[in-house]
Amino acid sequence: MAHQDLSITAKLINGGVAGLVGVTCVFPIDLAKTRLQNQHGKAMYKGMIDCLMKTARAEGFFGMYRGAAVNLTLVTPEKAIKLAANDFFRQLLMEDGMQRNLKMEMLAGCGAGMCQVVVTSPMEMLKIQLQDAGRLAVHHQGSASAPSTSRSYTTGSASTHKRPSATLIARELLRTQGLAGLYKGLGATLLRDIPFSIIYFPLFANLNHLGFNELTGKASFAHSFVSGCVAGSVAAVAVTPLDVLKTRIQTLKKGLGEDVYSGITDCARKLWIQEGPSAFMKGAGCRALVIAPLFGIAQGVYFIGIGERILKCFE
């Protein structure tokens, strides 16, 4: 098993490449997910396709990539932390690395989830504001006569609808609320990422193990890709309710008549009472569609070994 001595640099390059390619492919679906999770009352978007079409029409093709810059910048460190941490914990917890011990794998996944939150939490916080801006713009046009009560993140009057930028929001948050502002929804992010990792990593390891090839010493690329997709989708759909809570908690600017939540339990209670249990599965399809290719691509890049190949060029 030569996989263990794979240099950490190669791992990081793999994680980075996988993250960049993945995000580029599925970002619009993720945007749809955020908007679908945030809408309530009279629905603006019927579903994912409807949301994407309306967004493309109202904000152009790149409107669908609103907030992607934050993700692309931070996805590399995030993936890097996650993959490196998972590996580190696995080697720490499994004596010779080969024994499949489910409890230990879950612990490793859990550790990876906790480490990655350092980057994910602020990243998602900024991303959600940017993704949701377009939905709110429409929301407010429909009710422009009513004075806007929420303090807007635009400078000057509401008429100058300046596009919010990540740096602008980050600066504003840091100025008004300090670091805590950027880490708003940290608890919700942990609640989502830890169960996700606990489900995903062991599930993937075991699915992937089914296709283990004695000759090559690893599963085929197609098998890894499918395992990554399946494990990712299952884990994604399983934690969707937590993701909805996280999206709601991290959204700063609310449309008219949209609730402000004091915390996770408060958010869960209001959702349940006002929008019924089905609200907890908002964007589940989007999530499965986003996560599956993301993780499939990541596993694929890993198995092709792009990092190692790049490093070979420099030797």
C-alpha atoms as a PDB file:
ATOM      1  CA  MET A   1       0.000   0.000   0.000  1.00  0.00           C
ATOM      2  CA  ALA A   2       2.029   2.910  -1.277  1.00  0.00           C
ATOM      3  CA  HIS A   3      -0.786   5.374  -0.710  1.00  0.00           C
ATOM      4  CA  GLN A   4       0.356   6.176   2.834  1.00  0.00           C
ATOM      5  CA  ASP A   5       3.664   7.812   1.885  1.00  0.00           C
ATOM      6  CA  LEU A   6       1.959  10.049  -0.641  1.00  0.00           C
ATOM      7  CA  SER A   7       3.461  13.448   0.104  1.00  0.00           C
ATOM      8  CA  ILE A   8       1.245  15.961   1.794  1.00  0.00           C
ATOM      9  CA  THR A   9       1.980  18.457  -0.991  1.00  0.00           C
ATOM     10  CA  ALA A  10       0.524  16.116  -3.577  1.00  0.00           C
ATOM     11  CA  LYS A  11      -2.524  15.681  -1.368  1.00  0.00           C
ATOM     12  CA  LEU A  12      -2.980  19.413  -1.080  1.00  0.00           C
ATOM     13  CA  ILE A  13      -2.634  19.937  -4.816  1.00  0.00           C
ATOM     14  CA  ASN A  14      -5.198  17.205  -5.397  1.00  0.00           C
ATOM     15  CA  GLY A  15      -7.572  18.741  -2.918  1.00  0.00           C
ATOM     16  CA  GLY A  16      -7.147  22.163  -4.466  1.00  0.00           C
ATOM     17  CA  VAL A  17      -7.631  21.041  -8.047  1.00  0.00           C
ATOM     18  CA  ALA A  18     -10.642  18.955  -7.073  1.00  0.00           C
ATOM     19  CA  GLY A  19     -12.142  21.872  -5.211  1.00  0.00           C
ATOM     20  CA  LEU A  20     -11.676  24.358  -8.024  1.00  0.00           C
ATOM     21  CA  VAL A  21     -13.009  22.086 -10.735  1.00  0.00           C
ATOM     22  CA  GLY A  22     -15.879  20.951  -8.547  1.00  0.00           C
ATOM     23  CA  VAL A  23     -16.979  24.409  -7.508  1.00  0.00           C
ATOM     24  CA  THR A  24     -16.873  25.698 -11.050  1.00  0.00           C
ATOM     25  CA  CYS A  25     -19.112  22.863 -12.200  1.00  0.00           C
ATOM     26  CA  VAL A  26     -21.766  22.991  -9.542  1.00  0.00           C
ATOM     27  CA  PHE A  27     -21.802  26.530  -8.195  1.00  0.00           C
ATOM     28  CA  PRO A  28     -25.032  27.609  -9.928  1.00  0.00           C
ATOM     29  CA  ILE A  29     -26.882  24.664  -8.380  1.00  0.00           C
ATOM     30  CA  ASP A  30     -25.522  25.674  -4.995  1.00  0.00           C
ATOM     31  CA  LEU A  31     -26.798  29.198  -5.570  1.00  0.00           C
ATOM     32  CA  ALA A  32     -30.228  27.775  -6.351  1.00  0.00           C
ATOM     33  CA  LYS A  33     -30.022  25.771  -3.134  1.00  0.00           C
ATOM     34  CA  THR A  34     -29.351  28.864  -1.018  1.00  0.00           C
ATOM     35  CA  ARG A  35     -32.208  30.783  -2.600  1.00  0.00           C
ATOM     36  CA  LEU A  36     -34.663  27.919  -2.358  1.00  0.00           C
ATOM     37  CA  GLN A  37     -33.793  27.402   1.299  1.00  0.00           C
ATOM     38  CA  ASN A  38     -34.243  31.049   2.070  1.00  0.00           C
ATOM     39  CA  GLN A  39     -37.553  31.655   0.373  1.00  0.00           C
ATOM     40  CA  HIS A  40     -40.756  31.275   2.265  1.00  0.00           C
ATOM     41  CA  GLY A  41     -44.207  32.693   2.131  1.00  0.00           C
ATOM     42  CA  LYS A  42     -45.138  33.199  -1.501  1.00  0.00           C
ATOM     43  CA  ALA A  43     -42.495  31.297  -3.383  1.00  0.00           C
ATOM     44  CA  MET A  44     -40.489  33.150  -5.973  1.00  0.00           C
ATOM     45  CA  TYR A  45     -38.899  30.031  -7.346  1.00  0.00           C
ATOM     46  CA  LYS A  46     -40.772  26.825  -8.061  1.00  0.00           C
ATOM     47  CA  GLY A  47     -37.676  24.697  -7.965  1.00  0.00           C
ATOM     48  CA  MET A  48     -34.077  24.421  -9.001  1.00  0.00           C
ATOM     49  CA  ILE A  49     -34.509  24.780 -12.766  1.00  0.00           C
ATOM     50  CA  ASP A  50     -36.962  27.645 -12.333  1.00  0.00           C
ATOM     51  CA  CYS A  51     -34.575  29.386  -9.965  1.00  0.00           C
ATOM     52  CA  LEU A  52     -31.630  29.012 -12.343  1.00  0.00           C
ATOM     53  CA  MET A  53     -33.604  30.263 -15.304  1.00  0.00           C
ATOM     54  CA  LYS A  54     -34.894  33.302 -13.448  1.00  0.00           C
ATOM     55  CA  THR A  55     -31.444  34.063 -12.104  1.00  0.00           C
ATOM     56  CA  ALA A  56     -29.859  33.789 -15.536  1.00  0.00           C
ATOM     57  CA  ARG A  57     -32.537  36.056 -16.953  1.00  0.00           C
ATOM     58  CA  ALA A  58     -32.382  38.663 -14.215  1.00  0.00           C
ATOM     59  CA  GLU A  59     -28.678  38.643 -13.449  1.00  0.00           C
ATOM     60  CA  GLY A  60     -27.050  37.198 -16.527  1.00  0.00           C
ATOM     61  CA  PHE A  61     -24.954  34.061 -16.826  1.00  0.00           C
ATOM     62  CA  PHE A  62     -22.431  35.251 -14.261  1.00  0.00           C
ATOM     63  CA  GLY A  63     -25.262  36.080 -11.899  1.00  0.00           C
ATOM     64  CA  MET A  64     -25.397  32.368 -11.289  1.00  0.00           C
ATOM     65  CA  TYR A  65     -21.819  32.562 -10.104  1.00  0.00           C
ATOM     66  CA  ARG A  66     -22.482  35.299  -7.557  1.00  0.00           C
ATOM     67  CA  GLY A  67     -20.301  34.492  -4.571  1.00  0.00           C
ATOM     68  CA  ALA A  68     -18.206  31.971  -6.474  1.00  0.00           C
ATOM     69  CA  ALA A  69     -15.056  34.028  -6.032  1.00  0.00           C
ATOM     70  CA  VAL A  70     -15.190  33.569  -2.260  1.00  0.00           C
ATOM     71  CA  ASN A  71     -15.634  29.868  -2.747  1.00  0.00           C
ATOM     72  CA  LEU A  72     -12.903  29.480  -5.309  1.00  0.00           C
ATOM     73  CA  THR A  73     -10.484  31.400  -3.124  1.00  0.00           C
ATOM     74  CA  LEU A  74     -11.268  29.467   0.006  1.00  0.00           C
ATOM     75  CA  VAL A  75     -12.178  26.058  -1.354  1.00  0.00           C
ATOM     76  CA  THR A  76      -8.548  25.065  -1.780  1.00  0.00           C
ATOM     77  CA  PRO A  77      -7.574  25.645   1.852  1.00  0.00           C
ATOM     78  CA  GLU A  78     -10.871  24.127   2.960  1.00  0.00           C
ATOM     79  CA  LYS A  79     -10.496  20.929   0.936  1.00  0.00           C
ATOM     80  CA  ALA A  80      -6.837  20.797   1.861  1.00  0.00           C
ATOM     81  CA  ILE A  81      -7.618  21.012   5.575  1.00  0.00           C
ATOM     82  CA  LYS A  82     -10.390  18.456   5.284  1.00  0.00           C
ATOM     83  CA  LEU A  83      -8.457  15.850   3.319  1.00  0.00           C
ATOM     84  CA  ALA A  84      -5.245  16.308   5.257  1.00  0.00           C
ATOM     85  CA  ALA A  85      -7.093  16.180   8.584  1.00  0.00           C
ATOM     86  CA  ASN A  86      -9.023  13.071   7.617  1.00  0.00           C
ATOM     87  CA  ASP A  87      -5.811  11.356   6.601  1.00  0.00           C
ATOM     88  CA  PHE A  88      -3.996  12.508   9.702  1.00  0.00           C
ATOM     89  CA  PHE A  89      -6.748  11.275  12.002  1.00  0.00           C
ATOM     90  CA  ARG A  90      -7.073   8.012  10.143  1.00  0.00           C
ATOM     91  CA  GLN A  91      -3.381   7.282  10.484  1.00  0.00           C
ATOM     92  CA  LEU A  92      -3.534   8.332  14.103  1.00  0.00           C
ATOM     93  CA  LEU A  93      -6.525   6.155  14.933  1.00  0.00           C
ATOM     94  CA  MET A  94      -5.898   3.115  12.793  1.00  0.00           C
ATOM     95  CA  GLU A  95      -2.788   1.224  13.788  1.00  0.00           C
ATOM     96  CA  ASP A  96      -1.587   0.073  10.380  1.00  0.00           C
ATOM     97  CA  GLY A  97      -4.092   2.084   8.382  1.00  0.00           C
ATOM     98  CA  MET A  98      -5.569  -0.961   6.708  1.00  0.00           C
ATOM     99  CA  GLN A  99      -7.941  -2.303   9.310  1.00  0.00           C
ATOM    100  CA  ARG A 100     -11.410  -1.035   8.604  1.00  0.00           C
ATOM    101  CA  ASN A 101     -12.715   0.029  11.961  1.00  0.00           C
ATOM    102  CA  LEU A 102     -15.972   1.892  11.538  1.00  0.00           C
ATOM    103  CA  LYS A 103     -15.911   3.660  14.891  1.00  0.00           C
ATOM    104  CA  MET A 104     -12.420   4.949  14.247  1.00  0.00           C
ATOM    105  CA  GLU A 105     -13.292   6.028  10.730  1.00  0.00           C
ATOM    106  CA  MET A 106     -16.239   7.977  12.043  1.00  0.00           C
ATOM    107  CA  LEU A 107     -14.000   9.630  14.603  1.00  0.00           C
ATOM    108  CA  ALA A 108     -11.531  10.527  11.881  1.00  0.00           C
ATOM    109  CA  GLY A 109     -14.341  11.993   9.800  1.00  0.00           C
ATOM    110  CA  CYS A 110     -15.554  13.895  12.800  1.00  0.00           C
ATOM    111  CA  GLY A 111     -12.094  15.359  13.403  1.00  0.00           C
ATOM    112  CA  ALA A 112     -11.815  16.348   9.750  1.00  0.00           C
ATOM    113  CA  GLY A 113     -15.204  18.042   9.911  1.00  0.00           C
ATOM    114  CA  MET A 114     -14.197  20.029  12.967  1.00  0.00           C
ATOM    115  CA  CYS A 115     -10.920  21.211  11.458  1.00  0.00           C
ATOM    116  CA  GLN A 116     -12.420  22.331   8.214  1.00  0.00           C
ATOM    117  CA  VAL A 117     -15.011  24.572   9.888  1.00  0.00           C
ATOM    118  CA  VAL A 118     -12.284  27.149  10.537  1.00  0.00           C
ATOM    119  CA  VAL A 119     -12.430  27.962   6.836  1.00  0.00           C
ATOM    120  CA  THR A 120     -15.906  26.781   5.888  1.00  0.00           C
ATOM    121  CA  SER A 121     -17.862  28.840   8.363  1.00  0.00           C
ATOM    122  CA  PRO A 122     -16.745  32.315   7.210  1.00  0.00           C
ATOM    123  CA  MET A 123     -16.667  31.144   3.603  1.00  0.00           C
ATOM    124  CA  GLU A 124     -20.278  30.025   3.662  1.00  0.00           C
ATOM    125  CA  MET A 125     -21.292  33.100   5.589  1.00  0.00           C
ATOM    126  CA  LEU A 126     -20.002  35.404   2.838  1.00  0.00           C
ATOM    127  CA  LYS A 127     -21.132  33.122   0.041  1.00  0.00           C
ATOM    128  CA  ILE A 128     -24.705  33.012   1.303  1.00  0.00           C
ATOM    129  CA  GLN A 129     -25.004  36.810   1.469  1.00  0.00           C
ATOM    130  CA  LEU A 130     -23.789  37.118  -2.104  1.00  0.00           C
ATOM    131  CA  GLN A 131     -25.935  34.299  -3.431  1.00  0.00           C
ATOM    132  CA  ASP A 132     -29.028  35.625  -1.778  1.00  0.00           C
ATOM    133  CA  ALA A 133     -28.588  39.241  -2.887  1.00  0.00           C
ATOM    134  CA  GLY A 134     -30.364  38.642  -6.188  1.00  0.00           C
ATOM    135  CA  ARG A 135     -33.342  36.993  -4.558  1.00  0.00           C
ATOM    136  CA  LEU A 136     -33.711  39.914  -2.155  1.00  0.00           C
ATOM    137  CA  ALA A 137     -33.390  42.496  -4.915  1.00  0.00           C
ATOM    138  CA  VAL A 138     -36.443  41.016  -6.578  1.00  0.00           C
ATOM    139  CA  HIS A 139     -38.137  40.635  -3.220  1.00  0.00           C
ATOM    140  CA  HIS A 140     -37.658  44.319  -2.506  1.00  0.00           C
ATOM    141  CA  GLN A 141     -38.652  45.523  -5.963  1.00  0.00           C
ATOM    142  CA  GLY A 142     -42.021  43.916  -5.391  1.00  0.00           C
ATOM    143  CA  SER A 143     -42.406  46.010  -2.261  1.00  0.00           C
ATOM    144  CA  ALA A 144     -40.340  49.075  -2.988  1.00  0.00           C
ATOM    145  CA  SER A 145     -42.969  51.385  -1.533  1.00  0.00           C
ATOM    146  CA  ALA A 146     -42.439  50.011   1.961  1.00  0.00           C
ATOM    147  CA  PRO A 147     -39.416  51.612   3.603  1.00  0.00           C
ATOM    148  CA  SER A 148     -36.606  49.136   4.125  1.00  0.00           C
ATOM    149  CA  THR A 149     -36.144  48.575   7.828  1.00  0.00           C
ATOM    150  CA  SER A 150     -33.089  46.338   7.744  1.00  0.00           C
ATOM    151  CA  ARG A 151     -29.821  48.197   7.692  1.00  0.00           C
ATOM    152  CA  SER A 152     -28.656  47.586   4.181  1.00  0.00           C
ATOM    153  CA  TYR A 153     -25.105  46.775   3.255  1.00  0.00           C
ATOM    154  CA  THR A 154     -25.083  49.385   0.547  1.00  0.00           C
ATOM    155  CA  THR A 155     -23.480  52.730   1.042  1.00  0.00           C
ATOM    156  CA  GLY A 156     -25.903  55.603   0.717  1.00  0.00           C
ATOM    157  CA  SER A 157     -29.533  55.332  -0.263  1.00  0.00           C
ATOM    158  CA  ALA A 158     -31.329  52.200  -1.328  1.00  0.00           C
ATOM    159  CA  SER A 159     -31.632  53.494  -4.863  1.00  0.00           C
ATOM    160  CA  THR A 160     -27.941  52.937  -5.560  1.00  0.00           C
ATOM    161  CA  HIS A 161     -28.214  49.170  -5.690  1.00  0.00           C
ATOM    162  CA  LYS A 162     -24.546  48.438  -5.508  1.00  0.00           C
ATOM    163  CA  ARG A 163     -23.579  44.811  -5.886  1.00  0.00           C
ATOM    164  CA  PRO A 164     -22.338  43.608  -2.543  1.00  0.00           C
ATOM    165  CA  SER A 165     -18.835  42.198  -2.657  1.00  0.00           C
ATOM    166  CA  ALA A 166     -17.287  39.684  -0.312  1.00  0.00           C
ATOM    167  CA  THR A 167     -14.650  42.094   0.926  1.00  0.00           C
ATOM    168  CA  LEU A 168     -17.303  44.726   1.566  1.00  0.00           C
ATOM    169  CA  ILE A 169     -19.429  42.334   3.613  1.00  0.00           C
ATOM    170  CA  ALA A 170     -16.425  40.933   5.449  1.00  0.00           C
ATOM    171  CA  ARG A 171     -15.199  44.422   6.359  1.00  0.00           C
ATOM    172  CA  GLU A 172     -18.637  45.509   7.476  1.00  0.00           C
ATOM    173  CA  LEU A 173     -19.055  42.390   9.608  1.00  0.00           C
ATOM    174  CA  LEU A 174     -15.650  42.746  11.198  1.00  0.00           C
ATOM    175  CA  ARG A 175     -16.312  46.414  11.873  1.00  0.00           C
ATOM    176  CA  THR A 176     -19.707  45.927  13.462  1.00  0.00           C
ATOM    177  CA  GLN A 177     -19.404  42.548  15.140  1.00  0.00           C
ATOM    178  CA  GLY A 178     -15.746  41.628  15.177  1.00  0.00           C
ATOM    179  CA  LEU A 179     -14.579  38.121  14.325  1.00  0.00           C
ATOM    180  CA  ALA A 180     -17.750  36.665  15.783  1.00  0.00           C
ATOM    181  CA  GLY A 181     -19.667  38.249  12.904  1.00  0.00           C
ATOM    182  CA  LEU A 182     -17.740  36.210  10.355  1.00  0.00           C
ATOM    183  CA  TYR A 183     -18.217  33.061  12.389  1.00  0.00           C
ATOM    184  CA  LYS A 184     -21.944  33.497  12.758  1.00  0.00           C
ATOM    185  CA  GLY A 185     -23.605  30.132  12.393  1.00  0.00           C
ATOM    186  CA  LEU A 186     -20.462  28.302  13.469  1.00  0.00           C
ATOM    187  CA  GLY A 187     -22.542  25.984  15.615  1.00  0.00           C
ATOM    188  CA  ALA A 188     -24.882  25.286  12.734  1.00  0.00           C
ATOM    189  CA  THR A 189     -21.936  24.681  10.416  1.00  0.00           C
ATOM    190  CA  LEU A 190     -20.439  22.196  12.881  1.00  0.00           C
ATOM    191  CA  LEU A 191     -23.824  20.533  13.261  1.00  0.00           C
ATOM    192  CA  ARG A 192     -23.931  20.082   9.523  1.00  0.00           C
ATOM    193  CA  ASP A 193     -20.324  19.229   8.715  1.00  0.00           C
ATOM    194  CA  ILE A 194     -19.613  16.761  11.487  1.00  0.00           C
ATOM    195  CA  PRO A 195     -22.567  14.447  10.766  1.00  0.00           C
ATOM    196  CA  PHE A 196     -21.781  14.856   7.086  1.00  0.00           C
ATOM    197  CA  SER A 197     -18.203  13.711   7.559  1.00  0.00           C
ATOM    198  CA  ILE A 198     -19.276  10.929   9.896  1.00  0.00           C
ATOM    199  CA  ILE A 199     -21.590   9.575   7.208  1.00  0.00           C
ATOM    200  CA  TYR A 200     -19.472  10.338   4.162  1.00  0.00           C
ATOM    201  CA  PHE A 201     -15.990   9.123   4.955  1.00  0.00           C
ATOM    202  CA  PRO A 202     -16.789   5.628   6.272  1.00  0.00           C
ATOM    203  CA  LEU A 203     -19.458   5.147   3.615  1.00  0.00           C
ATOM    204  CA  PHE A 204     -17.044   6.088   0.867  1.00  0.00           C
ATOM    205  CA  ALA A 205     -14.209   3.988   2.281  1.00  0.00           C
ATOM    206  CA  ASN A 206     -16.436   0.942   2.437  1.00  0.00           C
ATOM    207  CA  LEU A 207     -18.105   1.444  -0.946  1.00  0.00           C
ATOM    208  CA  ASN A 208     -14.731   2.029  -2.496  1.00  0.00           C
ATOM    209  CA  HIS A 209     -13.378  -1.078  -0.821  1.00  0.00           C
ATOM    210  CA  LEU A 210     -15.962  -3.163  -2.666  1.00  0.00           C
ATOM    211  CA  GLY A 211     -14.229  -2.363  -5.933  1.00  0.00           C
ATOM    212  CA  PHE A 212     -10.754  -3.038  -4.588  1.00  0.00           C
ATOM    213  CA  ASN A 213      -8.570  -4.540  -7.284  1.00  0.00           C
ATOM    214  CA  GLU A 214      -5.877  -6.964  -6.137  1.00  0.00           C
ATOM    215  CA  LEU A 215      -3.701  -6.209  -9.168  1.00  0.00           C
ATOM    216  CA  THR A 216      -3.590  -2.406  -9.010  1.00  0.00           C
ATOM    217  CA  GLY A 217      -3.949  -2.208  -5.258  1.00  0.00           C
ATOM    218  CA  LYS A 218      -6.820   0.249  -5.528  1.00  0.00           C
ATOM    219  CA  ALA A 219     -10.320   0.516  -6.902  1.00  0.00           C
ATOM    220  CA  SER A 220     -10.873   1.575 -10.503  1.00  0.00           C
ATOM    221  CA  PHE A 221     -11.400   5.237 -11.297  1.00  0.00           C
ATOM    222  CA  ALA A 222     -15.036   4.727 -12.292  1.00  0.00           C
ATOM    223  CA  HIS A 223     -15.712   2.847  -9.103  1.00  0.00           C
ATOM    224  CA  SER A 224     -14.155   5.571  -6.957  1.00  0.00           C
ATOM    225  CA  PHE A 225     -16.067   8.229  -8.817  1.00  0.00           C
ATOM    226  CA  VAL A 226     -19.389   6.458  -8.310  1.00  0.00           C
ATOM    227  CA  SER A 227     -18.582   5.693  -4.677  1.00  0.00           C
ATOM    228  CA  GLY A 228     -17.774   9.345  -4.109  1.00  0.00           C
ATOM    229  CA  CYS A 229     -21.039  10.404  -5.728  1.00  0.00           C
ATOM    230  CA  VAL A 230     -23.181   7.922  -3.846  1.00  0.00           C
ATOM    231  CA  ALA A 231     -21.570   8.550  -0.483  1.00  0.00           C
ATOM    232  CA  GLY A 232     -21.754  12.292  -1.089  1.00  0.00           C
ATOM    233  CA  SER A 233     -25.424  12.259  -2.053  1.00  0.00           C
ATOM    234  CA  VAL A 234     -26.474  10.092   0.860  1.00  0.00           C
ATOM    235  CA  ALA A 235     -24.575  12.233   3.335  1.00  0.00           C
ATOM    236  CA  ALA A 236     -25.809  15.461   1.730  1.00  0.00           C
ATOM    237  CA  VAL A 237     -29.465  14.554   1.810  1.00  0.00           C
ATOM    238  CA  ALA A 238     -29.135  13.195   5.338  1.00  0.00           C
ATOM    239  CA  VAL A 239     -27.887  16.518   6.678  1.00  0.00           C
ATOM    240  CA  THR A 240     -30.110  18.805   4.576  1.00  0.00           C
ATOM    241  CA  PRO A 241     -32.278  19.837   7.559  1.00  0.00           C
ATOM    242  CA  LEU A 242     -29.169  21.095   9.319  1.00  0.00           C
ATOM    243  CA  ASP A 243     -28.098  22.860   6.151  1.00  0.00           C
ATOM    244  CA  VAL A 244     -31.426  24.688   5.911  1.00  0.00           C
ATOM    245  CA  LEU A 245     -31.012  25.896   9.486  1.00  0.00           C
ATOM    246  CA  LYS A 246     -27.469  27.008   8.729  1.00  0.00           C
ATOM    247  CA  THR A 247     -28.526  28.925   5.604  1.00  0.00           C
ATOM    248  CA  ARG A 248     -31.306  30.687   7.485  1.00  0.00           C
ATOM    249  CA  ILE A 249     -29.112  31.575  10.425  1.00  0.00           C
ATOM    250  CA  GLN A 250     -26.299  32.868   8.250  1.00  0.00           C
ATOM    251  CA  THR A 251     -28.501  35.018   6.025  1.00  0.00           C
ATOM    252  CA  LEU A 252     -28.131  38.562   7.320  1.00  0.00           C
ATOM    253  CA  LYS A 253     -30.505  40.564   5.208  1.00  0.00           C
ATOM    254  CA  LYS A 254     -34.006  39.232   5.319  1.00  0.00           C
ATOM    255  CA  GLY A 255     -36.769  39.940   2.863  1.00  0.00           C
ATOM    256  CA  LEU A 256     -39.915  41.580   4.168  1.00  0.00           C
ATOM    257  CA  GLY A 257     -41.781  39.440   6.642  1.00  0.00           C
ATOM    258  CA  GLU A 258     -38.895  37.015   6.952  1.00  0.00           C
ATOM    259  CA  ASP A 259     -37.912  35.951  10.416  1.00  0.00           C
ATOM    260  CA  VAL A 260     -34.782  36.689  12.336  1.00  0.00           C
ATOM    261  CA  TYR A 261     -33.549  33.753  14.382  1.00  0.00           C
ATOM    262  CA  SER A 262     -31.791  33.904  17.715  1.00  0.00           C
ATOM    263  CA  GLY A 263     -30.191  30.497  17.410  1.00  0.00           C
ATOM    264  CA  ILE A 264     -30.418  26.971  16.103  1.00  0.00           C
ATOM    265  CA  THR A 265     -33.309  25.777  18.270  1.00  0.00           C
ATOM    266  CA  ASP A 266     -35.225  28.998  17.713  1.00  0.00           C
ATOM    267  CA  CYS A 267     -34.738  28.656  13.977  1.00  0.00           C
ATOM    268  CA  ALA A 268     -35.807  25.015  13.996  1.00  0.00           C
ATOM    269  CA  ARG A 269     -38.907  25.798  16.035  1.00  0.00           C
ATOM    270  CA  LYS A 270     -40.034  28.667  13.815  1.00  0.00           C
ATOM    271  CA  LEU A 271     -39.414  26.657  10.661  1.00  0.00           C
ATOM    272  CA  TRP A 272     -41.433  23.736  11.981  1.00  0.00           C
ATOM    273  CA  ILE A 273     -44.346  25.904  13.128  1.00  0.00           C
ATOM    274  CA  GLN A 274     -44.521  28.307  10.192  1.00  0.00           C
ATOM    275  CA  GLU A 275     -43.475  26.223   7.236  1.00  0.00           C
ATOM    276  CA  GLY A 276     -44.043  22.674   8.366  1.00  0.00           C
ATOM    277  CA  PRO A 277     -41.682  19.715   8.419  1.00  0.00           C
ATOM    278  CA  SER A 278     -41.196  19.726   4.653  1.00  0.00           C
ATOM    279  CA  ALA A 279     -39.285  23.016   4.939  1.00  0.00           C
ATOM    280  CA  PHE A 280     -36.429  21.099   6.494  1.00  0.00           C
ATOM    281  CA  MET A 281     -35.835  19.323   3.208  1.00  0.00           C
ATOM    282  CA  LYS A 282     -35.683  22.485   1.102  1.00  0.00           C
ATOM    283  CA  GLY A 283     -32.955  22.257  -1.484  1.00  0.00           C
ATOM    284  CA  ALA A 284     -32.286  18.570  -0.760  1.00  0.00           C
ATOM    285  CA  GLY A 285     -32.288  17.709  -4.445  1.00  0.00           C
ATOM    286  CA  CYS A 286     -29.956  20.613  -5.146  1.00  0.00           C
ATOM    287  CA  ARG A 287     -27.692  19.489  -2.361  1.00  0.00           C
ATOM    288  CA  ALA A 288     -27.437  15.953  -3.691  1.00  0.00           C
ATOM    289  CA  LEU A 289     -26.766  17.351  -7.153  1.00  0.00           C
ATOM    290  CA  VAL A 290     -24.100  19.709  -5.847  1.00  0.00           C
ATOM    291  CA  ILE A 291     -22.340  17.352  -3.521  1.00  0.00           C
ATOM    292  CA  ALA A 292     -22.292  14.252  -5.691  1.00  0.00           C
ATOM    293  CA  PRO A 293     -20.199  15.703  -8.538  1.00  0.00           C
ATOM    294  CA  LEU A 294     -18.119  17.703  -6.060  1.00  0.00           C
ATOM    295  CA  PHE A 295     -17.048  14.614  -4.208  1.00  0.00           C
ATOM    296  CA  GLY A 296     -16.966  12.425  -7.277  1.00  0.00           C
ATOM    297  CA  ILE A 297     -14.568  14.875  -8.937  1.00  0.00           C
ATOM    298  CA  ALA A 298     -12.506  15.105  -5.763  1.00  0.00           C
ATOM    299  CA  GLN A 299     -12.141  11.346  -5.535  1.00  0.00           C
ATOM    300  CA  GLY A 300     -11.385  11.170  -9.229  1.00  0.00           C
ATOM    301  CA  VAL A 301      -8.626  13.778  -9.057  1.00  0.00           C
ATOM    302  CA  TYR A 302      -7.237  11.970  -6.067  1.00  0.00           C
ATOM    303  CA  PHE A 303      -7.126   8.664  -7.855  1.00  0.00           C
ATOM    304  CA  ILE A 304      -5.706   9.977 -11.092  1.00  0.00           C
ATOM    305  CA  GLY A 305      -3.056  11.528  -8.872  1.00  0.00           C
ATOM    306  CA  ILE A 306      -2.834  14.955 -10.484  1.00  0.00           C
ATOM    307  CA  GLY A 307      -0.808  16.281  -7.563  1.00  0.00           C
ATOM    308  CA  GLU A 308       1.839  13.620  -7.943  1.00  0.00           C
ATOM    309  CA  ARG A 309       2.078  14.256 -11.659  1.00  0.00           C
ATOM    310  CA  ILE A 310       2.508  17.982 -11.161  1.00  0.00           C
ATOM    311  CA  LEU A 311       5.197  17.365  -8.559  1.00  0.00           C
ATOM    312  CA  LYS A 312       7.012  14.986 -10.909  1.00  0.00           C
ATOM    313  CA  CYS A 313       7.357  17.846 -13.388  1.00  0.00           C
ATOM    314  CA  PHE A 314       9.236  19.895 -10.800  1.00  0.00           C
ATOM    315  CA  GLU A 315      11.625  17.159  -9.764  1.00  0.00           C
END
